[in-house]
C-alpha atoms as a PDB file:
ATOM      1  CA  MET A   1     182.061  88.327 120.585  1.00  0.00           C
ATOM      2  CA  SER A   2     181.186  88.355 117.061  1.00  0.00           C
ATOM      3  CA  THR A   3     182.728  90.716 114.775  1.00  0.00           C
ATOM      4  CA  THR A   4     180.642  92.178 112.081  1.00  0.00           C
ATOM      5  CA  PRO A   5     182.093  94.511 109.624  1.00  0.00           C
ATOM      6  CA  ALA A   6     180.999  98.044 109.979  1.00  0.00           C
ATOM      7  CA  THR A   7     178.646  99.072 107.280  1.00  0.00           C
ATOM      8  CA  THR A   8     178.927 102.370 105.697  1.00  0.00           C
ATOM      9  CA  PRO A   9     176.054 103.998 103.918  1.00  0.00           C
ATOM     10  CA  ARG A  10     176.162 103.299 100.256  1.00  0.00           C
ATOM     11  CA  PRO A  11     175.721 105.875  97.636  1.00  0.00           C
ATOM     12  CA  ALA A  12     172.960 103.622  96.310  1.00  0.00           C
ATOM     13  CA  ALA A  13     170.338 106.279  96.889  1.00  0.00           C
ATOM     14  CA  THR A  14     171.851 108.439  94.211  1.00  0.00           C
ATOM     15  CA  SER A  15     172.163 105.534  91.802  1.00  0.00           C
ATOM     16  CA  THR A  16     168.528 104.492  92.273  1.00  0.00           C
ATOM     17  CA  HIS A  17     167.544 108.121  91.977  1.00  0.00           C
ATOM     18  CA  LYS A  18     169.451 108.324  88.685  1.00  0.00           C
ATOM     19  CA  ARG A  19     167.859 105.117  87.560  1.00  0.00           C
ATOM     20  CA  LYS A  20     164.379 106.482  88.328  1.00  0.00           C
ATOM     21  CA  ARG A  21     165.184 109.629  86.410  1.00  0.00           C
ATOM     22  CA  ASN A  22     166.319 107.616  83.430  1.00  0.00           C
ATOM     23  CA  ILE A  23     163.305 105.329  83.677  1.00  0.00           C
ATOM     24  CA  THR A  24     160.949 108.309  83.809  1.00  0.00           C
ATOM     25  CA  ALA A  25     162.581 110.057  80.866  1.00  0.00           C
ATOM     26  CA  HIS A  26     162.871 106.801  78.945  1.00  0.00           C
ATOM     27  CA  SER A  27     159.213 105.895  79.601  1.00  0.00           C
ATOM     28  CA  ILE A  28     158.115 109.365  78.470  1.00  0.00           C
ATOM     29  CA  LEU A  29     160.115 109.029  75.247  1.00  0.00           C
ATOM     30  CA  GLU A  30     158.686 105.543  74.641  1.00  0.00           C
ATOM     31  CA  GLU A  31     155.167 106.793  75.271  1.00  0.00           C
ATOM     32  CA  MET A  32     155.732 109.675  72.864  1.00  0.00           C
ATOM     33  CA  GLU A  33     156.889 107.261  70.181  1.00  0.00           C
ATOM     34  CA  ALA A  34     154.023 104.849  70.881  1.00  0.00           C
ATOM     35  CA  ARG A  35     151.400 107.582  70.526  1.00  0.00           C
ATOM     36  CA  GLY A  36     152.578 108.419  67.043  1.00  0.00           C
ATOM     37  CA  TYR A  37     151.985 112.143  67.296  1.00  0.00           C
ATOM     38  CA  THR A  38     150.442 113.798  64.292  1.00  0.00           C
ATOM     39  CA  PRO A  39     150.794 117.584  64.235  1.00  0.00           C
ATOM     40  CA  VAL A  40     147.551 119.250  65.249  1.00  0.00           C
ATOM     41  CA  SER A  41     148.730 122.840  65.330  1.00  0.00           C
ATOM     42  CA  PRO A  42     152.074 124.654  65.294  1.00  0.00           C
ATOM     43  CA  GLU A  43     151.795 125.427  69.032  1.00  0.00           C
ATOM     44  CA  THR A  44     151.230 121.819  70.061  1.00  0.00           C
ATOM     45  CA  ASP A  45     153.976 120.721  67.689  1.00  0.00           C
ATOM     46  CA  ALA A  46     156.423 123.103  69.388  1.00  0.00           C
ATOM     47  CA  LEU A  47     155.376 121.920  72.873  1.00  0.00           C
ATOM     48  CA  TRP A  48     155.707 118.279  71.792  1.00  0.00           C
ATOM     49  CA  ASN A  49     159.228 118.827  70.483  1.00  0.00           C
ATOM     50  CA  LYS A  50     160.167 120.810  73.612  1.00  0.00           C
ATOM     51  CA  CYS A  51     158.988 117.951  75.858  1.00  0.00           C
ATOM     52  CA  LYS A  52     160.941 115.463  73.753  1.00  0.00           C
ATOM     53  CA  SER A  53     164.115 117.513  74.039  1.00  0.00           C
ATOM     54  CA  LYS A  54     163.632 117.843  77.835  1.00  0.00           C
ATOM     55  CA  ALA A  55     163.327 114.060  78.143  1.00  0.00           C
ATOM     56  CA  ARG A  56     166.521 113.571  76.132  1.00  0.00           C
ATOM     57  CA  ARG A  57     168.288 116.174  78.265  1.00  0.00           C
ATOM     58  CA  VAL A  58     167.249 114.328  81.465  1.00  0.00           C
ATOM     59  CA  LEU A  59     168.649 111.093  80.023  1.00  0.00           C
ATOM     60  CA  ASN A  60     171.997 112.748  79.316  1.00  0.00           C
ATOM     61  CA  HIS A  61     172.233 114.980  82.401  1.00  0.00           C
ATOM     62  CA  PRO A  62     171.323 113.273  85.675  1.00  0.00           C
ATOM     63  CA  GLU A  63     171.121 116.563  87.576  1.00  0.00           C
ATOM     64  CA  ALA A  64     168.222 117.864  85.434  1.00  0.00           C
ATOM     65  CA  ASP A  65     164.820 118.363  87.077  1.00  0.00           C
ATOM     66  CA  VAL A  66     162.578 115.321  86.560  1.00  0.00           C
ATOM     67  CA  ASP A  67     159.509 116.893  88.170  1.00  0.00           C
ATOM     68  CA  ASP A  68     159.494 119.657  85.582  1.00  0.00           C
ATOM     69  CA  LEU A  69     159.666 117.015  82.831  1.00  0.00           C
ATOM     70  CA  LYS A  70     156.757 115.060  84.365  1.00  0.00           C
ATOM     71  CA  ASP A  71     154.613 118.194  84.693  1.00  0.00           C
ATOM     72  CA  HIS A  72     155.452 119.285  81.174  1.00  0.00           C
ATOM     73  CA  TRP A  73     154.639 115.812  79.806  1.00  0.00           C
ATOM     74  CA  LYS A  74     151.247 115.721  81.597  1.00  0.00           C
ATOM     75  CA  THR A  75     150.360 119.146  80.223  1.00  0.00           C
ATOM     76  CA  VAL A  76     151.462 118.355  76.684  1.00  0.00           C
ATOM     77  CA  SER A  77     149.769 114.949  76.609  1.00  0.00           C
ATOM     78  CA  LYS A  78     146.474 116.413  77.880  1.00  0.00           C
ATOM     79  CA  LEU A  79     146.682 119.268  75.386  1.00  0.00           C
ATOM     80  CA  VAL A  80     147.462 116.961  72.470  1.00  0.00           C
ATOM     81  CA  CYS A  81     144.683 114.558  73.492  1.00  0.00           C
ATOM     82  CA  ALA A  82     142.206 117.420  73.779  1.00  0.00           C
ATOM     83  CA  LYS A  83     143.208 118.914  70.424  1.00  0.00           C
ATOM     84  CA  THR A  84     143.184 115.492  68.745  1.00  0.00           C
ATOM     85  CA  ASP A  85     139.771 114.701  70.233  1.00  0.00           C
ATOM     86  CA  ALA A  86     138.471 118.081  69.080  1.00  0.00           C
ATOM     87  CA  LYS A  87     139.862 117.494  65.591  1.00  0.00           C
ATOM     88  CA  GLU A  88     138.307 114.011  65.412  1.00  0.00           C
ATOM     89  CA  ALA A  89     134.990 115.380  66.675  1.00  0.00           C
ATOM     90  CA  ALA A  90     135.091 118.122  64.036  1.00  0.00           C
ATOM     91  CA  GLU A  91     135.784 115.530  61.323  1.00  0.00           C
ATOM     92  CA  LYS A  92     132.888 113.383  62.579  1.00  0.00           C
ATOM     93  CA  HIS A  93     130.605 116.418  62.569  1.00  0.00           C
ATOM     94  CA  LYS A  94     131.665 117.260  59.021  1.00  0.00           C
ATOM     95  CA  ALA A  95     130.953 113.687  57.914  1.00  0.00           C
ATOM     96  CA  ILE A  96     127.535 113.774  59.587  1.00  0.00           C
ATOM     97  CA  GLU A  97     126.827 117.182  58.055  1.00  0.00           C
ATOM     98  CA  LYS A  98     127.765 115.884  54.596  1.00  0.00           C
ATOM     99  CA  LYS A  99     125.539 112.834  55.078  1.00  0.00           C
ATOM    100  CA  LEU A 100     122.623 114.990  56.245  1.00  0.00           C
ATOM    101  CA  LYS A 101     123.081 117.374  53.311  1.00  0.00           C
ATOM    102  CA  GLY A 102     122.904 114.375  50.979  1.00  0.00           C
ATOM    103  CA  LYS A 103     119.697 113.198  52.660  1.00  0.00           C
ATOM    104  CA  LEU A 104     118.281 116.722  52.466  1.00  0.00           C
ATOM    105  CA  GLN A 105     119.031 116.888  48.749  1.00  0.00           C
ATOM    106  CA  GLU A 106     117.476 113.450  48.263  1.00  0.00           C
ATOM    107  CA  SER A 107     114.352 114.605  50.121  1.00  0.00           C
ATOM    108  CA  LYS A 108     114.192 117.751  47.996  1.00  0.00           C
ATOM    109  CA  ASP A 109     114.444 115.638  44.837  1.00  0.00           C
ATOM    110  CA  GLN A 110     111.679 113.328  46.049  1.00  0.00           C
ATOM    111  CA  LEU A 111     109.493 116.313  46.912  1.00  0.00           C
ATOM    112  CA  HIS A 112     110.123 117.824  43.480  1.00  0.00           C
ATOM    113  CA  ASN A 113     109.200 114.524  41.806  1.00  0.00           C
ATOM    114  CA  PHE A 114     106.079 114.285  43.951  1.00  0.00           C
ATOM    115  CA  GLU A 115     105.071 117.840  42.987  1.00  0.00           C
ATOM    116  CA  ASN A 116     105.536 116.947  39.314  1.00  0.00           C
ATOM    117  CA  LEU A 117     103.398 113.838  39.742  1.00  0.00           C
ATOM    118  CA  MET A 118     100.749 115.900  41.526  1.00  0.00           C
ATOM    119  CA  GLN A 119     100.691 118.377  38.619  1.00  0.00           C
ATOM    120  CA  ILE A 120     100.377 115.505  36.145  1.00  0.00           C
ATOM    121  CA  GLY A 121      97.567 114.032  38.259  1.00  0.00           C
ATOM    122  CA  ASP A 122      95.773 117.392  38.359  1.00  0.00           C
ATOM    123  CA  TRP A 123      96.167 117.715  34.601  1.00  0.00           C
ATOM    124  CA  ALA A 124      94.808 114.183  34.064  1.00  0.00           C
ATOM    125  CA  ALA A 125      91.896 114.837  36.455  1.00  0.00           C
ATOM    126  CA  GLY A 126      91.108 118.036  34.550  1.00  0.00           C
ATOM    127  CA  LEU A 127      91.043 116.130  31.266  1.00  0.00           C
ATOM    128  CA  GLN A 128      88.879 113.446  32.821  1.00  0.00           C
ATOM    129  CA  ASN A 129      86.433 116.087  34.056  1.00  0.00           C
ATOM    130  CA  ILE A 130      86.222 117.559  30.560  1.00  0.00           C
ATOM    131  CA  VAL A 131      85.634 114.109  29.040  1.00  0.00           C
ATOM    132  CA  LYS A 132      83.068 113.150  31.699  1.00  0.00           C
ATOM    133  CA  GLY A 133      81.270 116.458  31.140  1.00  0.00           C
ATOM    134  CA  ALA A 134      81.013 115.824  27.399  1.00  0.00           C
ATOM    135  CA  GLU A 135      80.293 112.089  27.728  1.00  0.00           C
ATOM    136  CA  SER A 136      76.512 112.351  28.143  1.00  0.00           C
ATOM    137  CA  GLU A 137      76.263 114.647  25.128  1.00  0.00           C
ATOM    138  CA  VAL A 138      78.411 112.335  22.984  1.00  0.00           C
ATOM    139  CA  VAL A 139      76.449 109.269  24.085  1.00  0.00           C
ATOM    140  CA  HIS A 140      73.177 111.006  23.230  1.00  0.00           C
ATOM    141  CA  GLU A 141      74.515 111.994  19.786  1.00  0.00           C
ATOM    142  CA  PHE A 142      75.783 108.436  19.221  1.00  0.00           C
ATOM    143  CA  VAL A 143      72.410 106.953  20.123  1.00  0.00           C
ATOM    144  CA  GLU A 144      70.595 109.385  17.829  1.00  0.00           C
ATOM    145  CA  ASP A 145      72.991 108.585  14.990  1.00  0.00           C
ATOM    146  CA  LEU A 146      72.388 104.859  15.433  1.00  0.00           C
ATOM    147  CA  LYS A 147      68.627 105.414  15.426  1.00  0.00           C
ATOM    148  CA  ARG A 148      68.855 107.166  12.093  1.00  0.00           C
ATOM    149  CA  LYS A 149      71.122 104.527  10.561  1.00  0.00           C
ATOM    150  CA  ARG A 150      69.121 101.524  11.693  1.00  0.00           C
ATOM    151  CA  GLY A 151      65.697 102.969  11.488  1.00  0.00           C
ATOM    152  CA  LYS A 152      64.730 101.159  14.677  1.00  0.00           C
ATOM    153  CA  PRO A 153      63.963 102.928  17.902  1.00  0.00           C
ATOM    154  CA  ILE A 154      66.671 102.516  20.535  1.00  0.00           C
ATOM    155  CA  PRO A 155      65.849 103.155  24.147  1.00  0.00           C
ATOM    156  CA  THR A 156      66.835 106.675  25.083  1.00  0.00           C
ATOM    157  CA  ALA A 157      68.651 105.549  28.208  1.00  0.00           C
ATOM    158  CA  GLN A 158      71.949 107.315  28.402  1.00  0.00           C
ATOM    159  CA  GLY A 159      75.188 106.077  29.826  1.00  0.00           C
ATOM    160  CA  LYS A 160      77.345 103.055  29.362  1.00  0.00           C
ATOM    161  CA  LYS A 161      74.480 100.578  28.957  1.00  0.00           C
ATOM    162  CA  ALA A 162      73.111 102.400  25.928  1.00  0.00           C
ATOM    163  CA  VAL A 163      76.575 102.638  24.372  1.00  0.00           C
ATOM    164  CA  THR A 164      77.332  98.952  24.884  1.00  0.00           C
ATOM    165  CA  LYS A 165      73.938  97.922  23.517  1.00  0.00           C
ATOM    166  CA  ALA A 166      74.428 100.180  20.516  1.00  0.00           C
ATOM    167  CA  ARG A 167      77.892  98.773  19.885  1.00  0.00           C
ATOM    168  CA  LYS A 168      76.674  95.193  20.093  1.00  0.00           C
ATOM    169  CA  GLY A 169      74.067  95.898  17.454  1.00  0.00           C
ATOM    170  CA  ALA A 170      76.395  97.708  15.043  1.00  0.00           C
ATOM    171  CA  ARG A 171      77.346  96.030  11.775  1.00  0.00           C
ATOM    172  CA  PRO A 172      81.087  95.317  11.327  1.00  0.00           C
ATOM    173  CA  ALA A 173      83.000  97.461   8.856  1.00  0.00           C
ATOM    174  CA  VAL A 174      84.251  94.382   6.984  1.00  0.00           C
ATOM    175  CA  MET A 175      81.734  91.908   5.676  1.00  0.00           C
ATOM    176  CA  VAL A 176      82.461  88.430   6.959  1.00  0.00           C
ATOM    177  CA  PRO A 177      81.693  85.590   4.516  1.00  0.00           C
ATOM    178  CA  ASP A 178      79.451  82.813   5.657  1.00  0.00           C
ATOM    179  CA  SER A 179      81.490  80.198   7.402  1.00  0.00           C
ATOM    180  CA  PRO A 180      80.730  77.669  10.114  1.00  0.00           C
ATOM    181  CA  TRP A 181      82.313  79.753  12.860  1.00  0.00           C
ATOM    182  CA  THR A 182      80.352  82.941  11.949  1.00  0.00           C
ATOM    183  CA  LYS A 183      77.055  81.159  11.280  1.00  0.00           C
ATOM    184  CA  GLY A 184      74.290  82.877  13.163  1.00  0.00           C
ATOM    185  CA  LYS A 185      76.425  85.625  14.689  1.00  0.00           C
ATOM    186  CA  TRP A 186      75.403  88.377  12.296  1.00  0.00           C
ATOM    187  CA  ASP A 187      71.905  87.161  11.380  1.00  0.00           C
ATOM    188  CA  ASP A 188      70.045  89.518  13.711  1.00  0.00           C
ATOM    189  CA  ILE A 189      71.747  92.620  12.303  1.00  0.00           C
ATOM    190  CA  GLU A 190      70.145  94.296   9.304  1.00  0.00           C
END
C-alpha cells in the first residue's frame, strides 16, 4: 500500500484573491496615471480623486470591496472620456467657426471690392457715353475747321475715317528743314 500524505486545503484561495485585488487596484492606478487626466470640471476632478483614493485603499486594505472600485472606475472613466470628447469637439467647432468667420470676412471684402469696381466701371461707361455722344459733333467741327484752314473741300464723311484723313493732311507745328530723310514727306501739304 502506498502512503500518500494527506493534503489539506491551502489558504491559497485567499492569497490569490488578495493578489487579484491588488492587481485590479494596481492596474486601475496605472491606467489613471497613463491617461494623464486633465481637469475637465470640478465634479469630474472630485470623482477622479475619489476613485484614486479608493484604489489606494484597496491596495492597503485587502478586505475592501473590489467590485465597488471596478464599478466606480468604469463610471469615472466613461464620464471623463465623454467630457473630454465633448470639450475636444467644442474646441474643434470653435476652430471651424473661427475659420468660417475669416472666410466670411474675406468674401465680404471681395464683394466690397467688386462693388467698388462696378461703380468705377459704371462711372467710366457714363463718361464714355458722354464722349461718344459728343464725338460726332466734335468731328464735324474739326472737319469744318480744317476746311476753312486749308481752303480745300474735305469730304463730309463723319467718323474716324474723316478724322484720320484730316490728321494725315495737317501741317506739323514745327517746320522740318529739308533733309534726305524728310524729302518728299511734306511736299503735298500746302
